[in-house]
Amino acid sequence: MASKSSGLLPPRVRLYHKISENLVERDVKSLRAMLTADDKLGRARLEKASPQEICIMLEEAGQIGKGNLGLLIELLTHLGQGKLAEEARKVEEEEKRATNTENERKDDVVATMERLTVGGDPVPPKHPQADRTNSRVTELQLNKLAGNLGSEWESLTIHLGMKKVDVDRFKAENPNILQSQIFAMLVAWKAKAGRDATVETLVHELRSSGIDEDKFEFLLQET
């Protein structure tokens, strides 16, 4: 039975985790070979990456993403993983429906704002630099951070507004895999924080928790 904490993770992230759990070493080698042959990702990056990390890397490269899992479905089908391919198709359809609903809502908001500003001064756009420094943290960054953190992650979890019961569930969902436990926690935080899940916010929380800066220095460099 799935852990209750899995409900804190977006369906796409849960899918990546399930793929990582179900692919055997032969499948992983075939997956790496297919992506290398098609030049989707570099050989060096793929060599030691887990299936979950490969999925995140494909997202960062723009090959897959929210409502766009066609490549992943194709890869899983070639691997003979029909059930996982079908799950990926369902997640893709779910996300497409959610995106359409969100776009309709945004259009309504824009139309309302246009009506309110008729005859008035337009609202000045945000400065591009502000958008860069306040960009949302990516799952690839969270996965890298998860690999850098150790036992201090439990106190960080509480600092991020979660409870001890959440810590226990993250552990139960990912037994004996510390990085996966931490990554699941960070992704849950990102989902809960929404627009506030920026690099700047995460760095602030890490500093407030007393985490050594060398463990998240890469976030500062990327920012």
N, C-alpha and C. Protein backbone atom coordinates (compact mmCIF):
# COMPACT_ATOMS: atom_id res chain seq x y z
N MET A 1 0.85 -1.19 0.00
CA MET A 1 0.00 0.00 0.00
C MET A 1 0.88 1.24 0.00
N ALA A 2 0.52 2.24 -0.84
CA ALA A 2 1.34 3.44 -0.94
C ALA A 2 1.28 4.23 0.34
N SER A 3 2.40 4.87 0.67
CA SER A 3 2.46 5.70 1.86
C SER A 3 1.65 6.95 1.65
N LYS A 4 1.07 7.48 2.75
CA LYS A 4 0.28 8.70 2.67
C LYS A 4 1.12 9.86 2.19
N SER A 5 2.43 9.84 2.45
CA SER A 5 3.28 10.96 2.06
C SER A 5 3.40 11.07 0.55
N SER A 6 3.10 9.96 -0.18
CA SER A 6 3.17 10.04 -1.63
C SER A 6 2.15 11.03 -2.17
N GLY A 7 1.09 11.28 -1.40
CA GLY A 7 0.10 12.25 -1.81
C GLY A 7 0.63 13.67 -1.81
N LEU A 8 1.76 13.90 -1.12
CA LEU A 8 2.37 15.23 -1.08
C LEU A 8 3.16 15.50 -2.35
N LEU A 9 3.49 14.47 -3.12
CA LEU A 9 4.30 14.62 -4.32
C LEU A 9 3.43 14.73 -5.56
N PRO A 10 3.85 15.55 -6.53
CA PRO A 10 3.12 15.62 -7.80
C PRO A 10 3.11 14.25 -8.48
N PRO A 11 2.04 13.90 -9.22
CA PRO A 11 1.96 12.59 -9.87
C PRO A 11 3.16 12.28 -10.75
N ARG A 12 3.71 13.31 -11.43
CA ARG A 12 4.85 13.09 -12.31
C ARG A 12 6.08 12.64 -11.52
N VAL A 13 6.30 13.23 -10.36
CA VAL A 13 7.45 12.86 -9.53
C VAL A 13 7.26 11.45 -8.98
N ARG A 14 6.02 11.13 -8.58
CA ARG A 14 5.75 9.76 -8.11
C ARG A 14 5.99 8.75 -9.23
N LEU A 15 5.65 9.14 -10.46
CA LEU A 15 5.88 8.27 -11.61
C LEU A 15 7.38 8.02 -11.80
N TYR A 16 8.19 9.08 -11.73
CA TYR A 16 9.64 8.93 -11.88
C TYR A 16 10.20 7.98 -10.82
N HIS A 17 9.70 8.13 -9.60
CA HIS A 17 10.17 7.29 -8.51
C HIS A 17 9.79 5.82 -8.78
N LYS A 18 8.58 5.61 -9.29
CA LYS A 18 8.12 4.24 -9.56
C LYS A 18 8.93 3.61 -10.69
N ILE A 19 9.24 4.41 -11.69
CA ILE A 19 10.06 3.92 -12.80
C ILE A 19 11.42 3.47 -12.27
N SER A 20 12.00 4.29 -11.39
CA SER A 20 13.32 3.98 -10.82
C SER A 20 13.27 2.68 -10.02
N GLU A 21 12.16 2.45 -9.34
CA GLU A 21 12.02 1.25 -8.51
C GLU A 21 11.83 -0.01 -9.34
N ASN A 22 11.20 0.11 -10.52
CA ASN A 22 10.78 -1.07 -11.28
C ASN A 22 11.72 -1.47 -12.41
N LEU A 23 12.59 -0.56 -12.85
CA LEU A 23 13.51 -0.94 -13.93
C LEU A 23 14.70 -1.71 -13.36
N VAL A 24 14.98 -2.84 -13.96
CA VAL A 24 16.14 -3.63 -13.54
C VAL A 24 17.37 -3.10 -14.28
N GLU A 25 18.55 -3.59 -13.90
CA GLU A 25 19.80 -3.07 -14.45
C GLU A 25 19.84 -3.20 -15.97
N ARG A 26 19.29 -4.29 -16.50
CA ARG A 26 19.28 -4.48 -17.96
C ARG A 26 18.48 -3.36 -18.64
N ASP A 27 17.32 -3.03 -18.02
CA ASP A 27 16.49 -1.95 -18.56
C ASP A 27 17.21 -0.61 -18.51
N VAL A 28 17.90 -0.37 -17.39
CA VAL A 28 18.60 0.91 -17.22
C VAL A 28 19.69 1.07 -18.28
N LYS A 29 20.42 -0.02 -18.54
CA LYS A 29 21.48 0.03 -19.57
C LYS A 29 20.88 0.32 -20.94
N SER A 30 19.73 -0.33 -21.23
CA SER A 30 19.06 -0.10 -22.52
C SER A 30 18.58 1.34 -22.63
N LEU A 31 18.05 1.87 -21.51
CA LEU A 31 17.58 3.26 -21.48
C LEU A 31 18.72 4.22 -21.77
N ARG A 32 19.85 4.01 -21.12
CA ARG A 32 21.02 4.87 -21.35
C ARG A 32 21.48 4.79 -22.80
N ALA A 33 21.46 3.55 -23.34
CA ALA A 33 21.91 3.35 -24.72
C ALA A 33 21.00 4.08 -25.70
N MET A 34 19.69 4.02 -25.49
CA MET A 34 18.75 4.68 -26.39
C MET A 34 18.93 6.20 -26.36
N LEU A 35 19.11 6.75 -25.18
CA LEU A 35 19.26 8.20 -25.05
C LEU A 35 20.59 8.68 -25.61
N THR A 36 21.63 7.84 -25.46
CA THR A 36 22.94 8.19 -26.00
C THR A 36 22.92 8.14 -27.52
N ALA A 37 22.27 7.10 -28.07
CA ALA A 37 22.20 6.93 -29.52
C ALA A 37 21.46 8.08 -30.18
N ASP A 38 20.39 8.57 -29.51
CA ASP A 38 19.58 9.67 -30.05
C ASP A 38 20.14 11.03 -29.68
N ASP A 39 21.25 11.02 -28.95
CA ASP A 39 21.91 12.27 -28.51
C ASP A 39 20.96 13.15 -27.70
N LYS A 40 20.09 12.50 -26.90
CA LYS A 40 19.17 13.26 -26.04
C LYS A 40 19.92 13.86 -24.86
N LEU A 41 20.86 13.08 -24.32
CA LEU A 41 21.66 13.53 -23.18
C LEU A 41 23.09 13.04 -23.38
N GLY A 42 24.04 13.70 -22.76
CA GLY A 42 25.44 13.31 -22.91
C GLY A 42 25.75 11.99 -22.24
N ARG A 43 26.66 11.23 -22.84
CA ARG A 43 27.04 9.92 -22.30
C ARG A 43 27.58 10.02 -20.88
N ALA A 44 28.41 11.04 -20.63
CA ALA A 44 29.03 11.18 -19.31
C ALA A 44 27.98 11.40 -18.23
N ARG A 45 26.96 12.19 -18.53
CA ARG A 45 25.90 12.46 -17.55
C ARG A 45 25.06 11.22 -17.29
N LEU A 46 24.88 10.40 -18.31
CA LEU A 46 24.01 9.23 -18.20
C LEU A 46 24.68 8.06 -17.49
N GLU A 47 26.00 8.03 -17.54
CA GLU A 47 26.74 6.83 -17.12
C GLU A 47 26.37 6.33 -15.73
N LYS A 48 26.22 7.24 -14.77
CA LYS A 48 25.94 6.82 -13.40
C LYS A 48 24.56 7.26 -12.90
N ALA A 49 23.77 7.84 -13.77
CA ALA A 49 22.46 8.37 -13.36
C ALA A 49 21.44 7.25 -13.17
N SER A 50 20.63 7.37 -12.12
CA SER A 50 19.54 6.42 -11.89
C SER A 50 18.40 6.79 -12.83
N PRO A 51 17.42 5.88 -13.03
CA PRO A 51 16.27 6.21 -13.88
C PRO A 51 15.55 7.48 -13.43
N GLN A 52 15.41 7.67 -12.11
CA GLN A 52 14.77 8.88 -11.59
C GLN A 52 15.56 10.12 -11.98
N GLU A 53 16.88 10.06 -11.86
CA GLU A 53 17.72 11.18 -12.23
C GLU A 53 17.68 11.43 -13.73
N ILE A 54 17.59 10.37 -14.52
CA ILE A 54 17.49 10.51 -15.97
C ILE A 54 16.21 11.24 -16.35
N CYS A 55 15.11 10.90 -15.67
CA CYS A 55 13.83 11.59 -15.93
C CYS A 55 13.94 13.08 -15.62
N ILE A 56 14.59 13.38 -14.51
CA ILE A 56 14.76 14.79 -14.12
C ILE A 56 15.66 15.50 -15.13
N MET A 57 16.71 14.83 -15.58
CA MET A 57 17.62 15.41 -16.57
C MET A 57 16.89 15.68 -17.88
N LEU A 58 16.00 14.77 -18.28
CA LEU A 58 15.22 14.97 -19.50
C LEU A 58 14.31 16.19 -19.36
N GLU A 59 13.77 16.38 -18.16
CA GLU A 59 12.95 17.56 -17.90
C GLU A 59 13.77 18.82 -18.04
N GLU A 60 14.95 18.83 -17.41
CA GLU A 60 15.80 20.02 -17.45
C GLU A 60 16.24 20.33 -18.88
N ALA A 61 16.35 19.29 -19.71
CA ALA A 61 16.76 19.49 -21.10
C ALA A 61 15.58 19.86 -21.99
N GLY A 62 14.37 19.89 -21.41
CA GLY A 62 13.18 20.26 -22.17
C GLY A 62 12.63 19.14 -23.03
N GLN A 63 13.11 17.89 -22.82
CA GLN A 63 12.65 16.75 -23.62
C GLN A 63 11.29 16.24 -23.15
N ILE A 64 11.05 16.34 -21.85
CA ILE A 64 9.75 15.98 -21.28
C ILE A 64 9.39 17.06 -20.27
N GLY A 65 8.18 16.99 -19.75
CA GLY A 65 7.78 17.98 -18.75
C GLY A 65 6.29 17.88 -18.46
N LYS A 66 5.75 18.90 -17.85
CA LYS A 66 4.35 18.91 -17.47
C LYS A 66 3.46 18.81 -18.71
N GLY A 67 2.65 17.75 -18.76
CA GLY A 67 1.77 17.54 -19.89
C GLY A 67 2.46 17.13 -21.17
N ASN A 68 3.73 16.76 -21.06
CA ASN A 68 4.52 16.38 -22.24
C ASN A 68 5.43 15.21 -21.89
N LEU A 69 4.88 14.01 -21.92
CA LEU A 69 5.64 12.81 -21.55
C LEU A 69 5.76 11.84 -22.71
N GLY A 70 5.59 12.35 -23.93
CA GLY A 70 5.62 11.48 -25.11
C GLY A 70 6.91 10.69 -25.24
N LEU A 71 8.05 11.35 -25.05
CA LEU A 71 9.34 10.66 -25.16
C LEU A 71 9.47 9.58 -24.10
N LEU A 72 9.04 9.88 -22.87
CA LEU A 72 9.13 8.90 -21.79
C LEU A 72 8.24 7.70 -22.08
N ILE A 73 7.05 7.94 -22.59
CA ILE A 73 6.13 6.85 -22.95
C ILE A 73 6.76 5.97 -24.03
N GLU A 74 7.37 6.62 -25.00
CA GLU A 74 8.03 5.89 -26.10
C GLU A 74 9.18 5.03 -25.56
N LEU A 75 9.99 5.59 -24.68
CA LEU A 75 11.13 4.85 -24.12
C LEU A 75 10.66 3.64 -23.31
N LEU A 76 9.64 3.85 -22.47
CA LEU A 76 9.12 2.76 -21.64
C LEU A 76 8.52 1.66 -22.51
N THR A 77 7.86 2.05 -23.61
CA THR A 77 7.27 1.07 -24.53
C THR A 77 8.37 0.23 -25.17
N HIS A 78 9.46 0.87 -25.59
CA HIS A 78 10.59 0.14 -26.20
C HIS A 78 11.23 -0.81 -25.19
N LEU A 79 11.17 -0.47 -23.91
CA LEU A 79 11.74 -1.33 -22.87
C LEU A 79 10.81 -2.48 -22.49
N GLY A 80 9.63 -2.50 -23.07
CA GLY A 80 8.65 -3.54 -22.73
C GLY A 80 7.93 -3.29 -21.43
N GLN A 81 7.95 -2.03 -20.98
CA GLN A 81 7.30 -1.65 -19.72
C GLN A 81 5.94 -1.02 -20.04
N GLY A 82 5.03 -1.86 -20.51
CA GLY A 82 3.72 -1.38 -20.95
C GLY A 82 2.91 -0.72 -19.84
N LYS A 83 2.93 -1.30 -18.64
CA LYS A 83 2.15 -0.74 -17.54
C LYS A 83 2.67 0.63 -17.13
N LEU A 84 3.98 0.77 -17.08
CA LEU A 84 4.56 2.06 -16.73
C LEU A 84 4.29 3.09 -17.83
N ALA A 85 4.32 2.65 -19.08
CA ALA A 85 4.03 3.54 -20.20
C ALA A 85 2.58 4.04 -20.11
N GLU A 86 1.67 3.14 -19.73
CA GLU A 86 0.26 3.53 -19.58
C GLU A 86 0.09 4.51 -18.42
N GLU A 87 0.82 4.28 -17.33
CA GLU A 87 0.75 5.21 -16.20
C GLU A 87 1.26 6.59 -16.61
N ALA A 88 2.33 6.60 -17.41
CA ALA A 88 2.88 7.87 -17.89
C ALA A 88 1.88 8.59 -18.77
N ARG A 89 1.15 7.83 -19.58
CA ARG A 89 0.14 8.42 -20.46
C ARG A 89 -0.99 9.06 -19.64
N LYS A 90 -1.38 8.39 -18.56
CA LYS A 90 -2.45 8.92 -17.71
C LYS A 90 -2.00 10.20 -17.01
N VAL A 91 -0.75 10.20 -16.53
CA VAL A 91 -0.21 11.41 -15.87
C VAL A 91 -0.18 12.56 -16.87
N GLU A 92 0.25 12.27 -18.11
CA GLU A 92 0.31 13.30 -19.15
C GLU A 92 -1.08 13.90 -19.40
N GLU A 93 -2.09 13.04 -19.52
CA GLU A 93 -3.45 13.52 -19.77
C GLU A 93 -3.97 14.35 -18.60
N GLU A 94 -3.67 13.88 -17.36
CA GLU A 94 -4.06 14.63 -16.16
C GLU A 94 -3.48 16.03 -16.18
N GLU A 95 -2.20 16.11 -16.49
CA GLU A 95 -1.51 17.40 -16.46
C GLU A 95 -1.99 18.32 -17.59
N LYS A 96 -2.32 17.74 -18.74
CA LYS A 96 -2.86 18.55 -19.84
C LYS A 96 -4.19 19.17 -19.45
N ARG A 97 -5.03 18.38 -18.79
CA ARG A 97 -6.33 18.90 -18.35
C ARG A 97 -6.13 20.01 -17.32
N ALA A 98 -5.21 19.78 -16.39
CA ALA A 98 -4.95 20.78 -15.35
C ALA A 98 -4.40 22.07 -15.96
N THR A 99 -3.52 21.93 -16.97
CA THR A 99 -2.92 23.10 -17.63
C THR A 99 -3.99 23.89 -18.37
N ASN A 100 -4.89 23.18 -19.06
CA ASN A 100 -5.96 23.87 -19.79
C ASN A 100 -6.85 24.65 -18.84
N THR A 101 -7.16 24.04 -17.68
CA THR A 101 -7.98 24.72 -16.68
C THR A 101 -7.27 25.95 -16.14
N GLU A 102 -5.97 25.81 -15.87
CA GLU A 102 -5.18 26.93 -15.35
C GLU A 102 -5.08 28.06 -16.37
N ASN A 103 -4.91 27.70 -17.65
CA ASN A 103 -4.82 28.71 -18.70
C ASN A 103 -6.13 29.48 -18.85
N GLU A 104 -7.24 28.76 -18.73
CA GLU A 104 -8.53 29.41 -18.80
C GLU A 104 -8.70 30.40 -17.64
N ARG A 105 -8.25 30.00 -16.47
CA ARG A 105 -8.36 30.87 -15.30
C ARG A 105 -7.49 32.11 -15.48
N LYS A 106 -6.27 31.92 -16.02
CA LYS A 106 -5.38 33.06 -16.25
C LYS A 106 -5.96 34.02 -17.28
N ASP A 107 -6.60 33.45 -18.32
CA ASP A 107 -7.21 34.31 -19.34
C ASP A 107 -8.30 35.18 -18.72
N ASP A 108 -9.06 34.59 -17.80
CA ASP A 108 -10.11 35.35 -17.12
C ASP A 108 -9.51 36.48 -16.30
N VAL A 109 -8.39 36.19 -15.61
CA VAL A 109 -7.73 37.21 -14.79
C VAL A 109 -7.21 38.34 -15.66
N VAL A 110 -6.57 37.97 -16.79
CA VAL A 110 -6.03 38.99 -17.71
C VAL A 110 -7.14 39.87 -18.25
N ALA A 111 -8.25 39.23 -18.65
CA ALA A 111 -9.38 40.00 -19.18
C ALA A 111 -9.91 40.97 -18.14
N THR A 112 -9.98 40.51 -16.88
CA THR A 112 -10.46 41.38 -15.80
C THR A 112 -9.51 42.56 -15.60
N MET A 113 -8.19 42.29 -15.60
CA MET A 113 -7.20 43.35 -15.40
C MET A 113 -7.25 44.37 -16.54
N GLU A 114 -7.48 43.89 -17.76
CA GLU A 114 -7.57 44.80 -18.90
C GLU A 114 -8.76 45.74 -18.77
N ARG A 115 -9.85 45.18 -18.27
CA ARG A 115 -11.04 46.02 -18.07
C ARG A 115 -10.79 47.07 -17.00
N LEU A 116 -10.06 46.66 -15.94
CA LEU A 116 -9.81 47.58 -14.83
C LEU A 116 -8.82 48.68 -15.19
N THR A 117 -7.92 48.39 -16.15
CA THR A 117 -6.87 49.37 -16.47
C THR A 117 -7.17 50.19 -17.72
N VAL A 118 -8.36 50.01 -18.29
CA VAL A 118 -8.73 50.79 -19.47
C VAL A 118 -8.72 52.28 -19.09
N GLY A 119 -7.96 53.07 -19.81
CA GLY A 119 -7.88 54.50 -19.53
C GLY A 119 -6.86 54.84 -18.48
N GLY A 120 -6.26 53.84 -17.84
CA GLY A 120 -5.27 54.10 -16.79
C GLY A 120 -3.88 53.75 -17.26
N ASP A 121 -2.93 53.93 -16.39
CA ASP A 121 -1.55 53.59 -16.74
C ASP A 121 -1.33 52.09 -16.64
N PRO A 122 -0.65 51.48 -17.60
CA PRO A 122 -0.38 50.03 -17.53
C PRO A 122 0.55 49.71 -16.37
N VAL A 123 0.40 48.49 -15.86
CA VAL A 123 1.26 48.04 -14.77
C VAL A 123 2.63 47.73 -15.33
N PRO A 124 3.69 48.32 -14.80
CA PRO A 124 5.04 48.07 -15.34
C PRO A 124 5.46 46.62 -15.15
N PRO A 125 6.11 46.03 -16.15
CA PRO A 125 6.55 44.63 -16.02
C PRO A 125 7.68 44.51 -15.02
N LYS A 126 7.81 43.29 -14.49
CA LYS A 126 8.91 43.03 -13.57
C LYS A 126 10.23 43.09 -14.30
N HIS A 127 11.25 43.52 -13.58
CA HIS A 127 12.59 43.56 -14.17
C HIS A 127 13.08 42.15 -14.38
N PRO A 128 13.65 41.82 -15.58
CA PRO A 128 14.13 40.47 -15.87
C PRO A 128 15.09 39.93 -14.81
N GLN A 129 15.91 40.81 -14.24
CA GLN A 129 16.88 40.36 -13.24
C GLN A 129 16.18 39.81 -12.02
N ALA A 130 15.05 40.45 -11.64
CA ALA A 130 14.30 39.98 -10.47
C ALA A 130 13.76 38.60 -10.72
N ASP A 131 13.32 38.33 -11.97
CA ASP A 131 12.80 37.00 -12.30
C ASP A 131 13.89 35.94 -12.18
N ARG A 132 15.12 36.30 -12.58
CA ARG A 132 16.20 35.31 -12.52
C ARG A 132 16.60 34.99 -11.09
N THR A 133 16.71 36.04 -10.28
CA THR A 133 17.17 35.80 -8.91
C THR A 133 16.09 35.15 -8.05
N ASN A 134 14.84 35.26 -8.50
CA ASN A 134 13.74 34.66 -7.74
C ASN A 134 13.13 33.48 -8.49
N SER A 135 13.92 32.84 -9.35
CA SER A 135 13.40 31.72 -10.14
C SER A 135 13.08 30.54 -9.23
N ARG A 136 12.08 29.77 -9.64
CA ARG A 136 11.68 28.60 -8.86
C ARG A 136 12.79 27.56 -8.89
N VAL A 137 12.98 26.92 -7.77
CA VAL A 137 14.01 25.89 -7.67
C VAL A 137 13.57 24.69 -8.51
N THR A 138 14.51 24.06 -9.20
CA THR A 138 14.18 22.93 -10.06
C THR A 138 14.35 21.61 -9.31
N GLU A 139 13.75 20.56 -9.85
CA GLU A 139 13.86 19.25 -9.22
C GLU A 139 15.28 18.69 -9.35
N LEU A 140 15.99 19.09 -10.41
CA LEU A 140 17.38 18.66 -10.54
C LEU A 140 18.23 19.28 -9.44
N GLN A 141 17.96 20.54 -9.11
CA GLN A 141 18.66 21.21 -8.01
C GLN A 141 18.32 20.53 -6.68
N LEU A 142 17.04 20.19 -6.51
CA LEU A 142 16.62 19.53 -5.27
C LEU A 142 17.28 18.16 -5.13
N ASN A 143 17.41 17.45 -6.23
CA ASN A 143 18.03 16.13 -6.19
C ASN A 143 19.51 16.25 -5.83
N LYS A 144 20.18 17.28 -6.38
CA LYS A 144 21.60 17.50 -6.06
C LYS A 144 21.75 17.88 -4.59
N LEU A 145 20.84 18.72 -4.10
CA LEU A 145 20.89 19.12 -2.69
C LEU A 145 20.66 17.91 -1.80
N ALA A 146 19.72 17.04 -2.19
CA ALA A 146 19.43 15.84 -1.40
C ALA A 146 20.67 14.97 -1.26
N GLY A 147 21.49 14.93 -2.31
CA GLY A 147 22.71 14.13 -2.26
C GLY A 147 23.78 14.73 -1.36
N ASN A 148 23.67 16.05 -1.12
CA ASN A 148 24.67 16.73 -0.28
C ASN A 148 24.31 16.70 1.20
N LEU A 149 23.03 16.58 1.51
CA LEU A 149 22.60 16.63 2.91
C LEU A 149 22.77 15.28 3.60
N GLY A 150 22.88 15.32 4.92
CA GLY A 150 22.99 14.10 5.71
C GLY A 150 21.91 14.06 6.77
N SER A 151 22.29 13.68 7.98
CA SER A 151 21.32 13.50 9.06
C SER A 151 20.60 14.79 9.44
N GLU A 152 21.16 15.94 9.07
CA GLU A 152 20.54 17.22 9.43
C GLU A 152 19.24 17.46 8.68
N TRP A 153 18.91 16.59 7.69
CA TRP A 153 17.72 16.82 6.89
C TRP A 153 16.44 16.73 7.72
N GLU A 154 16.47 15.94 8.81
CA GLU A 154 15.26 15.79 9.62
C GLU A 154 14.89 17.10 10.31
N SER A 155 15.89 17.79 10.84
CA SER A 155 15.62 19.08 11.48
C SER A 155 15.20 20.11 10.43
N LEU A 156 15.76 20.01 9.22
CA LEU A 156 15.36 20.90 8.14
C LEU A 156 13.90 20.69 7.78
N THR A 157 13.47 19.43 7.79
CA THR A 157 12.08 19.11 7.47
C THR A 157 11.13 19.84 8.42
N ILE A 158 11.43 19.78 9.71
CA ILE A 158 10.60 20.45 10.71
C ILE A 158 10.65 21.97 10.49
N HIS A 159 11.83 22.48 10.16
CA HIS A 159 11.99 23.92 9.92
C HIS A 159 11.16 24.36 8.72
N LEU A 160 10.98 23.48 7.75
CA LEU A 160 10.20 23.80 6.55
C LEU A 160 8.70 23.65 6.77
N GLY A 161 8.31 23.44 8.02
CA GLY A 161 6.88 23.42 8.35
C GLY A 161 6.23 22.06 8.32
N MET A 162 7.02 20.99 8.26
CA MET A 162 6.46 19.64 8.27
C MET A 162 6.56 19.06 9.67
N LYS A 163 5.88 17.95 9.88
CA LYS A 163 5.84 17.33 11.20
C LYS A 163 6.68 16.05 11.23
N LYS A 164 6.92 15.57 12.43
CA LYS A 164 7.72 14.34 12.57
C LYS A 164 7.06 13.18 11.85
N VAL A 165 5.73 13.18 11.83
CA VAL A 165 5.03 12.09 11.15
C VAL A 165 5.36 12.10 9.66
N ASP A 166 5.61 13.31 9.09
CA ASP A 166 6.00 13.40 7.69
C ASP A 166 7.38 12.79 7.48
N VAL A 167 8.29 13.05 8.43
CA VAL A 167 9.64 12.48 8.36
C VAL A 167 9.54 10.95 8.34
N ASP A 168 8.72 10.41 9.22
CA ASP A 168 8.56 8.95 9.31
C ASP A 168 8.01 8.38 8.00
N ARG A 169 7.09 9.12 7.39
CA ARG A 169 6.50 8.64 6.14
C ARG A 169 7.48 8.70 4.98
N PHE A 170 8.30 9.76 4.94
CA PHE A 170 9.32 9.84 3.89
C PHE A 170 10.29 8.66 4.02
N LYS A 171 10.62 8.29 5.27
CA LYS A 171 11.52 7.16 5.50
C LYS A 171 10.86 5.86 5.08
N ALA A 172 9.59 5.70 5.45
CA ALA A 172 8.88 4.45 5.13
C ALA A 172 8.72 4.28 3.62
N GLU A 173 8.54 5.40 2.92
CA GLU A 173 8.33 5.35 1.47
C GLU A 173 9.62 5.04 0.73
N ASN A 174 10.75 5.40 1.33
CA ASN A 174 12.05 5.20 0.67
C ASN A 174 13.02 4.51 1.63
N PRO A 175 12.73 3.29 2.04
CA PRO A 175 13.57 2.61 3.04
C PRO A 175 15.00 2.43 2.57
N ASN A 176 15.94 2.76 3.46
CA ASN A 176 17.38 2.54 3.25
C ASN A 176 18.00 3.39 2.13
N ILE A 177 17.24 4.38 1.61
CA ILE A 177 17.80 5.24 0.56
C ILE A 177 17.68 6.67 1.04
N LEU A 178 18.72 7.16 1.71
CA LEU A 178 18.67 8.48 2.33
C LEU A 178 18.40 9.59 1.32
N GLN A 179 19.09 9.55 0.18
CA GLN A 179 18.91 10.62 -0.80
C GLN A 179 17.47 10.68 -1.31
N SER A 180 16.85 9.52 -1.50
CA SER A 180 15.46 9.49 -1.96
C SER A 180 14.52 10.04 -0.89
N GLN A 181 14.82 9.76 0.38
CA GLN A 181 14.00 10.29 1.47
C GLN A 181 14.05 11.82 1.47
N ILE A 182 15.27 12.36 1.34
CA ILE A 182 15.46 13.81 1.36
C ILE A 182 14.84 14.44 0.13
N PHE A 183 15.02 13.81 -1.04
CA PHE A 183 14.46 14.36 -2.28
C PHE A 183 12.94 14.41 -2.21
N ALA A 184 12.33 13.34 -1.69
CA ALA A 184 10.87 13.32 -1.55
C ALA A 184 10.39 14.45 -0.65
N MET A 185 11.14 14.71 0.42
CA MET A 185 10.79 15.79 1.34
C MET A 185 10.88 17.15 0.65
N LEU A 186 11.96 17.36 -0.11
CA LEU A 186 12.17 18.64 -0.77
C LEU A 186 11.13 18.89 -1.87
N VAL A 187 10.77 17.85 -2.58
CA VAL A 187 9.74 17.99 -3.61
C VAL A 187 8.38 18.29 -2.97
N ALA A 188 8.12 17.66 -1.83
CA ALA A 188 6.88 17.93 -1.11
C ALA A 188 6.84 19.39 -0.64
N TRP A 189 8.00 19.88 -0.18
CA TRP A 189 8.08 21.29 0.23
C TRP A 189 7.82 22.21 -0.96
N LYS A 190 8.41 21.88 -2.11
CA LYS A 190 8.23 22.70 -3.31
C LYS A 190 6.76 22.77 -3.70
N ALA A 191 6.08 21.61 -3.66
CA ALA A 191 4.67 21.58 -4.02
C ALA A 191 3.84 22.40 -3.04
N LYS A 192 4.18 22.32 -1.77
CA LYS A 192 3.44 23.04 -0.73
C LYS A 192 3.71 24.54 -0.80
N ALA A 193 4.96 24.92 -1.11
CA ALA A 193 5.33 26.34 -1.14
C ALA A 193 4.81 27.05 -2.38
N GLY A 194 4.59 26.30 -3.46
CA GLY A 194 4.06 26.92 -4.68
C GLY A 194 5.00 27.95 -5.26
N ARG A 195 4.49 29.15 -5.49
CA ARG A 195 5.29 30.22 -6.10
C ARG A 195 6.44 30.66 -5.20
N ASP A 196 6.33 30.38 -3.92
CA ASP A 196 7.38 30.79 -2.98
C ASP A 196 8.56 29.83 -2.96
N ALA A 197 8.48 28.75 -3.72
CA ALA A 197 9.57 27.76 -3.74
C ALA A 197 10.67 28.22 -4.68
N THR A 198 11.29 29.34 -4.34
CA THR A 198 12.36 29.91 -5.16
C THR A 198 13.71 29.51 -4.59
N VAL A 199 14.75 29.69 -5.41
CA VAL A 199 16.12 29.42 -4.95
C VAL A 199 16.43 30.31 -3.76
N GLU A 200 16.02 31.57 -3.85
CA GLU A 200 16.30 32.51 -2.78
C GLU A 200 15.66 32.07 -1.46
N THR A 201 14.39 31.62 -1.53
CA THR A 201 13.69 31.17 -0.33
C THR A 201 14.36 29.94 0.25
N LEU A 202 14.72 28.99 -0.61
CA LEU A 202 15.35 27.75 -0.14
C LEU A 202 16.68 28.05 0.53
N VAL A 203 17.49 28.91 -0.07
CA VAL A 203 18.78 29.28 0.52
C VAL A 203 18.57 29.91 1.89
N HIS A 204 17.57 30.77 2.00
CA HIS A 204 17.26 31.42 3.29
C HIS A 204 16.91 30.37 4.34
N GLU A 205 16.09 29.40 3.97
CA GLU A 205 15.67 28.35 4.91
C GLU A 205 16.85 27.47 5.31
N LEU A 206 17.71 27.17 4.37
CA LEU A 206 18.88 26.34 4.66
C LEU A 206 19.82 27.05 5.64
N ARG A 207 20.02 28.35 5.40
CA ARG A 207 20.86 29.13 6.30
C ARG A 207 20.24 29.21 7.69
N SER A 208 18.94 29.43 7.75
CA SER A 208 18.24 29.54 9.04
C SER A 208 18.30 28.24 9.82
N SER A 209 18.40 27.13 9.09
CA SER A 209 18.45 25.81 9.74
C SER A 209 19.86 25.45 10.20
N GLY A 210 20.84 26.30 9.86
CA GLY A 210 22.22 26.02 10.26
C GLY A 210 22.94 25.02 9.38
N ILE A 211 22.43 24.79 8.17
CA ILE A 211 23.09 23.87 7.24
C ILE A 211 24.38 24.52 6.74
N ASP A 212 25.46 23.75 6.67
CA ASP A 212 26.74 24.26 6.17
C ASP A 212 26.57 24.78 4.74
N GLU A 213 27.06 25.96 4.49
CA GLU A 213 26.85 26.60 3.19
C GLU A 213 27.51 25.84 2.05
N ASP A 214 28.56 25.09 2.34
CA ASP A 214 29.22 24.36 1.25
C ASP A 214 28.30 23.28 0.65
N LYS A 215 27.26 22.91 1.40
CA LYS A 215 26.34 21.89 0.90
C LYS A 215 25.31 22.45 -0.08
N PHE A 216 25.11 23.76 -0.06
CA PHE A 216 24.17 24.36 -1.01
C PHE A 216 24.81 25.52 -1.78
N GLU A 217 26.13 25.56 -1.77
CA GLU A 217 26.85 26.63 -2.46
C GLU A 217 26.53 26.66 -3.95
N PHE A 218 26.28 25.49 -4.53
CA PHE A 218 25.97 25.42 -5.97
C PHE A 218 24.72 26.21 -6.31
N LEU A 219 23.78 26.31 -5.35
CA LEU A 219 22.56 27.11 -5.60
C LEU A 219 22.91 28.59 -5.73
N LEU A 220 23.83 29.05 -4.92
CA LEU A 220 24.26 30.44 -4.97
C LEU A 220 25.00 30.74 -6.26
N GLN A 221 25.82 29.81 -6.69
CA GLN A 221 26.57 29.99 -7.94
C GLN A 221 25.65 30.02 -9.14
N GLU A 222 24.64 29.12 -9.14
CA GLU A 222 23.69 29.06 -10.26
C GLU A 222 22.82 30.31 -10.30
N THR A 223 22.47 30.81 -9.08
CA THR A 223 21.65 32.02 -9.03
C THR A 223 22.44 33.21 -9.55
